[in-house]
All heavy atoms as atom14 arrays in JSON, in Angstrom:
{
  "sequence": "ILIFDEPFEGLDEIGRSFLIKLLGEKIRDRLSIITVHHEVDLKGSMKE",
  "atom14_mask": [
    [1, 1, 1, 1, 1, 1, 1, 1, 0, 0, 0, 0, 0, 0],
    [1, 1, 1, 1, 1, 1, 1, 1, 0, 0, 0, 0, 0, 0],
    [1, 1, 1, 1, 1, 1, 1, 1, 0, 0, 0, 0, 0, 0],
    [1, 1, 1, 1, 1, 1, 1, 1, 1, 1, 1, 0, 0, 0],
    [1, 1, 1, 1, 1, 1, 1, 1, 0, 0, 0, 0, 0, 0],
    [1, 1, 1, 1, 1, 1, 1, 1, 1, 0, 0, 0, 0, 0],
    [1, 1, 1, 1, 1, 1, 1, 0, 0, 0, 0, 0, 0, 0],
    [1, 1, 1, 1, 1, 1, 1, 1, 1, 1, 1, 0, 0, 0],
    [1, 1, 1, 1, 1, 1, 1, 1, 1, 0, 0, 0, 0, 0],
    [1, 1, 1, 1, 0, 0, 0, 0, 0, 0, 0, 0, 0, 0],
    [1, 1, 1, 1, 1, 1, 1, 1, 0, 0, 0, 0, 0, 0],
    [1, 1, 1, 1, 1, 1, 1, 1, 0, 0, 0, 0, 0, 0],
    [1, 1, 1, 1, 1, 1, 1, 1, 1, 0, 0, 0, 0, 0],
    [1, 1, 1, 1, 1, 1, 1, 1, 0, 0, 0, 0, 0, 0],
    [1, 1, 1, 1, 0, 0, 0, 0, 0, 0, 0, 0, 0, 0],
    [1, 1, 1, 1, 1, 1, 1, 1, 1, 1, 1, 0, 0, 0],
    [1, 1, 1, 1, 1, 1, 0, 0, 0, 0, 0, 0, 0, 0],
    [1, 1, 1, 1, 1, 1, 1, 1, 1, 1, 1, 0, 0, 0],
    [1, 1, 1, 1, 1, 1, 1, 1, 0, 0, 0, 0, 0, 0],
    [1, 1, 1, 1, 1, 1, 1, 1, 0, 0, 0, 0, 0, 0],
    [1, 1, 1, 1, 1, 1, 1, 1, 1, 0, 0, 0, 0, 0],
    [1, 1, 1, 1, 1, 1, 1, 1, 0, 0, 0, 0, 0, 0],
    [1, 1, 1, 1, 1, 1, 1, 1, 0, 0, 0, 0, 0, 0],
    [1, 1, 1, 1, 0, 0, 0, 0, 0, 0, 0, 0, 0, 0],
    [1, 1, 1, 1, 1, 1, 1, 1, 1, 0, 0, 0, 0, 0],
    [1, 1, 1, 1, 1, 1, 1, 1, 1, 0, 0, 0, 0, 0],
    [1, 1, 1, 1, 1, 1, 1, 1, 0, 0, 0, 0, 0, 0],
    [1, 1, 1, 1, 1, 1, 1, 1, 1, 1, 1, 0, 0, 0],
    [1, 1, 1, 1, 1, 1, 1, 1, 0, 0, 0, 0, 0, 0],
    [1, 1, 1, 1, 1, 1, 1, 1, 1, 1, 1, 0, 0, 0],
    [1, 1, 1, 1, 1, 1, 1, 1, 0, 0, 0, 0, 0, 0],
    [1, 1, 1, 1, 1, 1, 0, 0, 0, 0, 0, 0, 0, 0],
    [1, 1, 1, 1, 1, 1, 1, 1, 0, 0, 0, 0, 0, 0],
    [1, 1, 1, 1, 1, 1, 1, 1, 0, 0, 0, 0, 0, 0],
    [1, 1, 1, 1, 1, 1, 1, 0, 0, 0, 0, 0, 0, 0],
    [1, 1, 1, 1, 1, 1, 1, 0, 0, 0, 0, 0, 0, 0],
    [1, 1, 1, 1, 1, 1, 1, 1, 1, 1, 0, 0, 0, 0],
    [1, 1, 1, 1, 1, 1, 1, 1, 1, 1, 0, 0, 0, 0],
    [1, 1, 1, 1, 1, 1, 1, 1, 1, 0, 0, 0, 0, 0],
    [1, 1, 1, 1, 1, 1, 1, 0, 0, 0, 0, 0, 0, 0],
    [1, 1, 1, 1, 1, 1, 1, 1, 0, 0, 0, 0, 0, 0],
    [1, 1, 1, 1, 1, 1, 1, 1, 0, 0, 0, 0, 0, 0],
    [1, 1, 1, 1, 1, 1, 1, 1, 1, 0, 0, 0, 0, 0],
    [1, 1, 1, 1, 0, 0, 0, 0, 0, 0, 0, 0, 0, 0],
    [1, 1, 1, 1, 1, 1, 0, 0, 0, 0, 0, 0, 0, 0],
    [1, 1, 1, 1, 1, 1, 1, 1, 0, 0, 0, 0, 0, 0],
    [1, 1, 1, 1, 1, 1, 1, 1, 1, 0, 0, 0, 0, 0],
    [1, 1, 1, 1, 1, 1, 1, 1, 1, 0, 0, 0, 0, 0]
  ],
  "atom14_positions": [
    [[0.86, -1.15, 0.01], [-0.01, -0.04, 0.0], [0.9, 1.29, 0.03], [1.86, 1.32, 0.7], [-0.88, 0.04, 1.25], [-2.0, -1.1, 1.16], [-1.6, 1.34, 1.36], [-2.8, -1.19, 2.4], [0.0, 0.0, 0.0], [0.0, 0.0, 0.0], [0.0, 0.0, 0.0], [0.0, 0.0, 0.0], [0.0, 0.0, 0.0], [0.0, 0.0, 0.0]],
    [[0.49, 2.19, -0.87], [1.23, 3.49, -0.91], [0.23, 4.6, -0.6], [-0.88, 4.59, -1.17], [1.9, 3.78, -2.2], [3.09, 2.92, -2.53], [3.51, 3.07, -4.04], [4.32, 3.24, -1.66], [0.0, 0.0, 0.0], [0.0, 0.0, 0.0], [0.0, 0.0, 0.0], [0.0, 0.0, 0.0], [0.0, 0.0, 0.0], [0.0, 0.0, 0.0]],
    [[0.49, 5.52, 0.3], [-0.41, 6.63, 0.62], [0.4, 7.99, 0.68], [1.35, 8.05, 1.49], [-1.07, 6.42, 1.94], [-1.95, 5.21, 1.95], [-2.0, 7.62, 2.29], [-2.59, 4.83, 3.25], [0.0, 0.0, 0.0], [0.0, 0.0, 0.0], [0.0, 0.0, 0.0], [0.0, 0.0, 0.0], [0.0, 0.0, 0.0], [0.0, 0.0, 0.0]],
    [[0.13, 8.83, -0.3], [0.88, 10.05, -0.4], [-0.04, 11.27, -0.53], [-1.11, 11.21, -1.27], [1.72, 10.08, -1.66], [2.86, 9.08, -1.71], [3.13, 8.4, -2.9], [3.54, 8.71, -0.57], [4.03, 7.35, -2.89], [4.54, 7.76, -0.6], [4.74, 7.07, -1.75], [0.0, 0.0, 0.0], [0.0, 0.0, 0.0], [0.0, 0.0, 0.0]],
    [[0.23, 12.31, 0.26], [-0.59, 13.56, 0.18], [0.14, 14.56, -0.66], [1.21, 15.02, -0.38], [-0.72, 14.06, 1.56], [-1.82, 15.2, 1.67], [-2.66, 15.37, 0.72], [-1.82, 15.9, 2.7], [0.0, 0.0, 0.0], [0.0, 0.0, 0.0], [0.0, 0.0, 0.0], [0.0, 0.0, 0.0], [0.0, 0.0, 0.0], [0.0, 0.0, 0.0]],
    [[-0.58, 14.84, -1.88], [-0.03, 15.8, -2.79], [1.49, 15.62, -3.11], [2.32, 16.54, -2.95], [-0.31, 17.28, -2.39], [-1.75, 17.55, -2.17], [-2.06, 19.02, -2.04], [-1.16, 19.91, -2.27], [-3.26, 19.36, -1.8], [0.0, 0.0, 0.0], [0.0, 0.0, 0.0], [0.0, 0.0, 0.0], [0.0, 0.0, 0.0], [0.0, 0.0, 0.0]],
    [[1.81, 14.45, -3.5], [3.3, 14.1, -3.73], [4.02, 14.89, -4.81], [5.22, 15.06, -4.8], [3.25, 12.61, -4.04], [1.88, 12.37, -4.58], [0.97, 13.28, -3.91], [0.0, 0.0, 0.0], [0.0, 0.0, 0.0], [0.0, 0.0, 0.0], [0.0, 0.0, 0.0], [0.0, 0.0, 0.0], [0.0, 0.0, 0.0], [0.0, 0.0, 0.0]],
    [[3.18, 15.39, -5.8], [3.81, 16.09, -6.91], [4.09, 17.54, -6.62], [4.88, 18.15, -7.42], [3.03, 15.92, -8.16], [2.83, 14.47, -8.61], [1.75, 13.75, -8.33], [3.87, 13.88, -9.42], [1.63, 12.39, -8.68], [3.78, 12.55, -9.77], [2.64, 11.77, -9.45], [0.0, 0.0, 0.0], [0.0, 0.0, 0.0], [0.0, 0.0, 0.0]],
    [[3.48, 18.1, -5.62], [3.67, 19.49, -5.33], [5.08, 19.75, -4.97], [5.65, 19.14, -4.03], [2.69, 20.0, -4.22], [1.23, 19.95, -4.61], [0.92, 20.99, -5.65], [1.32, 22.15, -5.46], [0.29, 20.73, -6.59], [0.0, 0.0, 0.0], [0.0, 0.0, 0.0], [0.0, 0.0, 0.0], [0.0, 0.0, 0.0], [0.0, 0.0, 0.0]],
    [[5.78, 20.73, -5.53], [7.1, 21.13, -5.17], [8.18, 20.31, -5.77], [9.42, 20.63, -5.56], [0.0, 0.0, 0.0], [0.0, 0.0, 0.0], [0.0, 0.0, 0.0], [0.0, 0.0, 0.0], [0.0, 0.0, 0.0], [0.0, 0.0, 0.0], [0.0, 0.0, 0.0], [0.0, 0.0, 0.0], [0.0, 0.0, 0.0], [0.0, 0.0, 0.0]],
    [[7.85, 19.37, -6.59], [8.86, 18.44, -7.27], [9.32, 19.11, -8.58], [8.4, 19.63, -9.35], [8.34, 17.02, -7.48], [8.14, 16.22, -6.25], [7.92, 14.77, -6.73], [9.28, 16.29, -5.22], [0.0, 0.0, 0.0], [0.0, 0.0, 0.0], [0.0, 0.0, 0.0], [0.0, 0.0, 0.0], [0.0, 0.0, 0.0], [0.0, 0.0, 0.0]],
    [[10.58, 18.96, -9.0], [10.93, 19.45, -10.29], [10.48, 18.37, -11.28], [9.97, 17.32, -11.0], [12.4, 19.67, -10.45], [13.23, 18.44, -9.9], [12.78, 17.33, -10.15], [14.36, 18.64, -9.38], [0.0, 0.0, 0.0], [0.0, 0.0, 0.0], [0.0, 0.0, 0.0], [0.0, 0.0, 0.0], [0.0, 0.0, 0.0], [0.0, 0.0, 0.0]],
    [[10.72, 18.67, -12.61], [10.16, 17.84, -13.72], [10.8, 16.38, -13.6], [10.09, 15.38, -13.81], [10.52, 18.34, -15.12], [9.78, 17.63, -16.22], [8.27, 17.69, -16.05], [7.64, 18.7, -15.65], [7.69, 16.61, -16.32], [0.0, 0.0, 0.0], [0.0, 0.0, 0.0], [0.0, 0.0, 0.0], [0.0, 0.0, 0.0], [0.0, 0.0, 0.0]],
    [[12.13, 16.28, -13.32], [12.69, 14.99, -13.16], [12.12, 14.16, -11.94], [11.75, 13.06, -12.15], [14.28, 15.2, -12.99], [14.94, 15.73, -14.23], [14.92, 13.8, -12.63], [16.38, 16.04, -14.15], [0.0, 0.0, 0.0], [0.0, 0.0, 0.0], [0.0, 0.0, 0.0], [0.0, 0.0, 0.0], [0.0, 0.0, 0.0], [0.0, 0.0, 0.0]],
    [[11.92, 14.92, -10.91], [11.31, 14.25, -9.72], [9.92, 13.78, -9.94], [9.51, 12.73, -9.47], [0.0, 0.0, 0.0], [0.0, 0.0, 0.0], [0.0, 0.0, 0.0], [0.0, 0.0, 0.0], [0.0, 0.0, 0.0], [0.0, 0.0, 0.0], [0.0, 0.0, 0.0], [0.0, 0.0, 0.0], [0.0, 0.0, 0.0], [0.0, 0.0, 0.0]],
    [[9.18, 14.59, -10.71], [7.74, 14.24, -10.97], [7.74, 13.01, -11.92], [6.94, 12.06, -11.69], [7.0, 15.37, -11.65], [6.72, 16.54, -10.65], [6.45, 17.87, -11.38], [5.22, 17.75, -12.22], [4.04, 18.14, -11.86], [3.86, 18.65, -10.52], [2.94, 18.06, -12.53], [0.0, 0.0, 0.0], [0.0, 0.0, 0.0], [0.0, 0.0, 0.0]],
    [[8.56, 13.07, -12.95], [8.58, 11.9, -13.94], [8.99, 10.64, -13.27], [8.44, 9.57, -13.58], [9.53, 12.29, -15.1], [9.1, 13.42, -15.79], [0.0, 0.0, 0.0], [0.0, 0.0, 0.0], [0.0, 0.0, 0.0], [0.0, 0.0, 0.0], [0.0, 0.0, 0.0], [0.0, 0.0, 0.0], [0.0, 0.0, 0.0], [0.0, 0.0, 0.0]],
    [[10.01, 10.77, -12.39], [10.47, 9.51, -11.73], [9.5, 8.93, -10.77], [9.31, 7.75, -10.66], [11.76, 9.81, -11.0], [12.36, 8.54, -10.36], [12.67, 7.45, -11.12], [12.7, 8.48, -8.98], [13.3, 6.32, -10.56], [13.28, 7.37, -8.48], [13.49, 6.26, -9.27], [0.0, 0.0, 0.0], [0.0, 0.0, 0.0], [0.0, 0.0, 0.0]],
    [[8.61, 9.78, -10.11], [7.65, 9.36, -9.17], [6.56, 8.68, -10.01], [6.01, 7.62, -9.5], [7.05, 10.52, -8.41], [5.88, 10.2, -7.46], [6.2, 9.04, -6.51], [5.44, 11.42, -6.7], [0.0, 0.0, 0.0], [0.0, 0.0, 0.0], [0.0, 0.0, 0.0], [0.0, 0.0, 0.0], [0.0, 0.0, 0.0], [0.0, 0.0, 0.0]],
    [[6.18, 9.17, -11.13], [5.22, 8.47, -11.96], [5.68, 7.1, -12.39], [4.93, 6.16, -12.38], [4.85, 9.36, -13.19], [4.08, 10.66, -12.77], [4.0, 8.62, -14.21], [3.91, 11.66, -13.86], [0.0, 0.0, 0.0], [0.0, 0.0, 0.0], [0.0, 0.0, 0.0], [0.0, 0.0, 0.0], [0.0, 0.0, 0.0], [0.0, 0.0, 0.0]],
    [[6.97, 7.01, -12.73], [7.6, 5.8, -13.09], [7.52, 4.8, -11.9], [7.07, 3.63, -12.03], [9.05, 5.97, -13.47], [9.73, 4.69, -13.82], [11.16, 4.95, -14.23], [11.94, 3.64, -14.62], [12.1, 2.81, -13.56], [0.0, 0.0, 0.0], [0.0, 0.0, 0.0], [0.0, 0.0, 0.0], [0.0, 0.0, 0.0], [0.0, 0.0, 0.0]],
    [[7.87, 5.3, -10.67], [7.8, 4.34, -9.52], [6.29, 3.93, -9.2], [6.13, 2.75, -8.88], [8.31, 5.11, -8.32], [9.86, 5.4, -8.18], [10.2, 6.23, -7.06], [10.6, 3.99, -8.13], [0.0, 0.0, 0.0], [0.0, 0.0, 0.0], [0.0, 0.0, 0.0], [0.0, 0.0, 0.0], [0.0, 0.0, 0.0], [0.0, 0.0, 0.0]],
    [[5.38, 4.82, -9.34], [3.97, 4.48, -9.07], [3.5, 3.42, -10.08], [2.66, 2.53, -9.81], [3.14, 5.7, -9.15], [3.17, 6.65, -8.01], [2.43, 8.02, -8.31], [2.64, 6.07, -6.74], [0.0, 0.0, 0.0], [0.0, 0.0, 0.0], [0.0, 0.0, 0.0], [0.0, 0.0, 0.0], [0.0, 0.0, 0.0], [0.0, 0.0, 0.0]],
    [[4.04, 3.46, -11.28], [3.62, 2.54, -12.34], [4.24, 1.15, -12.22], [3.74, 0.19, -12.83], [0.0, 0.0, 0.0], [0.0, 0.0, 0.0], [0.0, 0.0, 0.0], [0.0, 0.0, 0.0], [0.0, 0.0, 0.0], [0.0, 0.0, 0.0], [0.0, 0.0, 0.0], [0.0, 0.0, 0.0], [0.0, 0.0, 0.0], [0.0, 0.0, 0.0]],
    [[5.28, 1.0, -11.49], [5.98, -0.28, -11.26], [5.16, -1.18, -10.32], [4.63, -0.68, -9.36], [7.34, -0.07, -10.73], [8.33, 0.57, -11.69], [9.69, 0.8, -11.09], [9.88, 0.57, -9.86], [10.63, 1.24, -11.84], [0.0, 0.0, 0.0], [0.0, 0.0, 0.0], [0.0, 0.0, 0.0], [0.0, 0.0, 0.0], [0.0, 0.0, 0.0]],
    [[5.07, -2.42, -10.67], [4.33, -3.35, -9.83], [2.93, -2.94, -9.47], [2.45, -3.26, -8.35], [5.19, -3.67, -8.49], [6.55, -4.24, -8.7], [7.29, -4.53, -7.42], [8.67, -5.15, -7.71], [9.38, -5.41, -6.45], [0.0, 0.0, 0.0], [0.0, 0.0, 0.0], [0.0, 0.0, 0.0], [0.0, 0.0, 0.0], [0.0, 0.0, 0.0]],
    [[2.33, -2.25, -10.31], [1.03, -1.66, -10.07], [0.0, -2.81, -9.74], [-0.92, -2.58, -8.98], [0.53, -0.75, -11.19], [-0.69, 0.06, -10.78], [0.23, -1.6, -12.45], [-1.02, 1.11, -11.74], [0.0, 0.0, 0.0], [0.0, 0.0, 0.0], [0.0, 0.0, 0.0], [0.0, 0.0, 0.0], [0.0, 0.0, 0.0], [0.0, 0.0, 0.0]],
    [[0.1, -3.93, -10.34], [-0.88, -5.0, -10.14], [-0.72, -5.6, -8.69], [-1.63, -6.35, -8.21], [-0.74, -6.05, -11.12], [-1.37, -5.71, -12.54], [-1.18, -6.79, -13.51], [0.19, -6.89, -14.01], [0.57, -7.71, -15.03], [-0.32, -8.54, -15.55], [1.79, -7.71, -15.39], [0.0, 0.0, 0.0], [0.0, 0.0, 0.0], [0.0, 0.0, 0.0]],
    [[0.43, -5.39, -8.13], [0.68, -5.98, -6.79], [0.42, -5.09, -5.64], [0.6, -5.48, -4.5], [2.17, -6.41, -6.76], [2.44, -7.47, -7.8], [1.58, -8.29, -8.08], [3.54, -7.51, -8.33], [0.0, 0.0, 0.0], [0.0, 0.0, 0.0], [0.0, 0.0, 0.0], [0.0, 0.0, 0.0], [0.0, 0.0, 0.0], [0.0, 0.0, 0.0]],
    [[0.02, -3.84, -5.93], [-0.17, -2.92, -4.79], [-1.35, -1.99, -5.04], [-1.9, -1.89, -6.08], [1.1, -2.13, -4.58], [1.49, -1.19, -5.64], [2.58, -0.19, -5.27], [3.71, -0.76, -4.68], [4.96, -0.61, -5.17], [5.23, 0.09, -6.29], [6.01, -1.2, -4.52], [0.0, 0.0, 0.0], [0.0, 0.0, 0.0], [0.0, 0.0, 0.0]],
    [[-1.63, -1.23, -3.99], [-2.72, -0.22, -4.0], [-2.03, 1.07, -3.65], [-1.2, 1.21, -2.71], [-3.78, -0.61, -2.94], [-4.56, 0.57, -2.29], [-5.46, 1.23, -3.25], [-5.35, 0.02, -1.13], [0.0, 0.0, 0.0], [0.0, 0.0, 0.0], [0.0, 0.0, 0.0], [0.0, 0.0, 0.0], [0.0, 0.0, 0.0], [0.0, 0.0, 0.0]],
    [[-2.37, 2.09, -4.46], [-1.74, 3.48, -4.23], [-2.98, 4.5, -4.1], [-3.87, 4.45, -4.89], [-0.9, 3.84, -5.37], [0.19, 2.98, -5.54], [0.0, 0.0, 0.0], [0.0, 0.0, 0.0], [0.0, 0.0, 0.0], [0.0, 0.0, 0.0], [0.0, 0.0, 0.0], [0.0, 0.0, 0.0], [0.0, 0.0, 0.0], [0.0, 0.0, 0.0]],
    [[-2.81, 5.31, -3.09], [-3.77, 6.39, -2.91], [-2.97, 7.74, -2.87], [-2.12, 7.85, -1.98], [-4.55, 6.25, -1.6], [-5.3, 4.92, -1.56], [-5.62, 7.4, -1.47], [-5.96, 4.64, -0.25], [0.0, 0.0, 0.0], [0.0, 0.0, 0.0], [0.0, 0.0, 0.0], [0.0, 0.0, 0.0], [0.0, 0.0, 0.0], [0.0, 0.0, 0.0]],
    [[-3.21, 8.59, -3.76], [-2.6, 9.9, -3.82], [-3.64, 11.02, -3.88], [-4.69, 10.81, -4.45], [-1.59, 10.06, -4.95], [-2.36, 10.03, -6.33], [-0.55, 8.95, -4.91], [-1.4, 10.37, -7.45], [0.0, 0.0, 0.0], [0.0, 0.0, 0.0], [0.0, 0.0, 0.0], [0.0, 0.0, 0.0], [0.0, 0.0, 0.0], [0.0, 0.0, 0.0]],
    [[-3.29, 12.15, -3.32], [-4.16, 13.33, -3.51], [-3.46, 14.41, -4.3], [-2.19, 14.38, -4.34], [-4.51, 13.95, -2.17], [-3.21, 14.44, -1.51], [-5.12, 13.02, -1.16], [0.0, 0.0, 0.0], [0.0, 0.0, 0.0], [0.0, 0.0, 0.0], [0.0, 0.0, 0.0], [0.0, 0.0, 0.0], [0.0, 0.0, 0.0], [0.0, 0.0, 0.0]],
    [[-4.2, 15.13, -5.13], [-3.62, 16.11, -5.89], [-4.47, 17.35, -5.85], [-5.72, 17.4, -5.66], [-3.52, 15.75, -7.43], [-2.58, 14.53, -7.57], [-4.9, 15.41, -7.97], [0.0, 0.0, 0.0], [0.0, 0.0, 0.0], [0.0, 0.0, 0.0], [0.0, 0.0, 0.0], [0.0, 0.0, 0.0], [0.0, 0.0, 0.0], [0.0, 0.0, 0.0]],
    [[-3.81, 18.58, -5.78], [-4.48, 19.89, -5.8], [-4.61, 20.39, -7.22], [-5.61, 20.89, -7.61], [-3.73, 20.83, -4.94], [-4.39, 22.19, -4.82], [-5.66, 22.33, -4.35], [-3.91, 23.39, -5.15], [-5.97, 23.61, -4.38], [-5.03, 24.3, -4.77], [0.0, 0.0, 0.0], [0.0, 0.0, 0.0], [0.0, 0.0, 0.0], [0.0, 0.0, 0.0]],
    [[-3.47, 20.23, -7.93], [-3.44, 20.61, -9.35], [-3.43, 19.32, -10.21], [-2.9, 18.27, -9.73], [-2.19, 21.41, -9.71], [-2.22, 22.7, -8.93], [-2.99, 23.8, -9.11], [-1.33, 23.12, -7.9], [-2.69, 24.69, -8.25], [-1.73, 24.37, -7.51], [0.0, 0.0, 0.0], [0.0, 0.0, 0.0], [0.0, 0.0, 0.0], [0.0, 0.0, 0.0]],
    [[-3.97, 19.33, -11.4], [-4.1, 18.16, -12.2], [-2.72, 17.6, -12.58], [-1.8, 18.27, -12.99], [-4.86, 18.48, -13.5], [-5.24, 17.34, -14.41], [-5.9, 16.22, -13.77], [-6.94, 16.55, -13.07], [-5.42, 15.08, -13.8], [0.0, 0.0, 0.0], [0.0, 0.0, 0.0], [0.0, 0.0, 0.0], [0.0, 0.0, 0.0], [0.0, 0.0, 0.0]],
    [[-2.67, 16.24, -12.46], [-1.42, 15.57, -12.87], [-1.89, 14.44, -13.84], [-2.74, 13.68, -13.4], [-0.74, 14.99, -11.56], [0.49, 14.16, -12.03], [-0.34, 16.1, -10.62], [0.0, 0.0, 0.0], [0.0, 0.0, 0.0], [0.0, 0.0, 0.0], [0.0, 0.0, 0.0], [0.0, 0.0, 0.0], [0.0, 0.0, 0.0], [0.0, 0.0, 0.0]],
    [[-1.19, 14.42, -14.99], [-1.63, 13.34, -15.92], [-0.83, 12.09, -15.71], [0.36, 12.04, -15.9], [-1.33, 13.88, -17.39], [-1.75, 12.91, -18.37], [-2.51, 11.98, -18.06], [-1.25, 13.06, -19.55], [0.0, 0.0, 0.0], [0.0, 0.0, 0.0], [0.0, 0.0, 0.0], [0.0, 0.0, 0.0], [0.0, 0.0, 0.0], [0.0, 0.0, 0.0]],
    [[-1.53, 11.03, -15.2], [-0.87, 9.76, -15.08], [-1.22, 8.74, -16.11], [-0.66, 7.72, -16.32], [-1.28, 9.16, -13.69], [-1.11, 9.92, -12.42], [-1.66, 9.22, -11.21], [0.46, 10.1, -12.25], [0.0, 0.0, 0.0], [0.0, 0.0, 0.0], [0.0, 0.0, 0.0], [0.0, 0.0, 0.0], [0.0, 0.0, 0.0], [0.0, 0.0, 0.0]],
    [[-2.25, 9.1, -16.94], [-2.77, 8.09, -17.92], [-1.8, 7.67, -18.97], [-1.82, 6.63, -19.42], [-4.09, 8.71, -18.52], [-5.18, 8.87, -17.55], [-6.41, 9.44, -18.3], [-7.54, 9.53, -17.23], [-8.79, 10.09, -17.83], [0.0, 0.0, 0.0], [0.0, 0.0, 0.0], [0.0, 0.0, 0.0], [0.0, 0.0, 0.0], [0.0, 0.0, 0.0]],
    [[-0.87, 8.56, -19.35], [0.17, 8.32, -20.36], [1.07, 7.17, -19.97], [1.69, 6.46, -20.84], [0.0, 0.0, 0.0], [0.0, 0.0, 0.0], [0.0, 0.0, 0.0], [0.0, 0.0, 0.0], [0.0, 0.0, 0.0], [0.0, 0.0, 0.0], [0.0, 0.0, 0.0], [0.0, 0.0, 0.0], [0.0, 0.0, 0.0], [0.0, 0.0, 0.0]],
    [[1.23, 6.94, -18.68], [2.14, 5.91, -18.14], [1.5, 4.65, -17.63], [2.08, 3.76, -17.26], [2.98, 6.5, -17.08], [3.67, 7.66, -17.36], [0.0, 0.0, 0.0], [0.0, 0.0, 0.0], [0.0, 0.0, 0.0], [0.0, 0.0, 0.0], [0.0, 0.0, 0.0], [0.0, 0.0, 0.0], [0.0, 0.0, 0.0], [0.0, 0.0, 0.0]],
    [[0.16, 4.72, -17.59], [-0.59, 3.6, -16.94], [-1.56, 2.99, -17.97], [-1.89, 3.6, -18.95], [-1.41, 4.03, -15.71], [-0.67, 4.95, -14.82], [0.76, 4.19, -13.97], [1.39, 5.63, -13.11], [0.0, 0.0, 0.0], [0.0, 0.0, 0.0], [0.0, 0.0, 0.0], [0.0, 0.0, 0.0], [0.0, 0.0, 0.0], [0.0, 0.0, 0.0]],
    [[-2.01, 1.75, -17.73], [-2.95, 1.1, -18.58], [-4.36, 1.52, -18.29], [-4.63, 2.0, -17.15], [-2.8, -0.39, -18.4], [-1.49, -1.0, -18.95], [-1.42, -2.52, -18.72], [-0.13, -3.04, -19.16], [0.01, -4.5, -18.95], [0.0, 0.0, 0.0], [0.0, 0.0, 0.0], [0.0, 0.0, 0.0], [0.0, 0.0, 0.0], [0.0, 0.0, 0.0]],
    [[-5.29, 1.32, -19.19], [-6.67, 1.66, -19.0], [-7.16, 0.87, -17.77], [-7.01, -0.34, -17.6], [-7.44, 1.24, -20.2], [-8.97, 1.41, -20.06], [-9.43, 2.59, -21.01], [-8.72, 2.99, -21.93], [-10.52, 3.02, -20.66], [0.0, 0.0, 0.0], [0.0, 0.0, 0.0], [0.0, 0.0, 0.0], [0.0, 0.0, 0.0], [0.0, 0.0, 0.0]]
  ]
}
């Protein structure tokens, strides 16, 4: 289980991209809950 509160706020582009990559790894084996204040596009890195 991963639980993050607004994890993308304050990260630079490299940091944001790497976090999206980490979230996408082993996605079938875990549950992730994140909150966002501003829109963050995750769909390009994840399956439908």
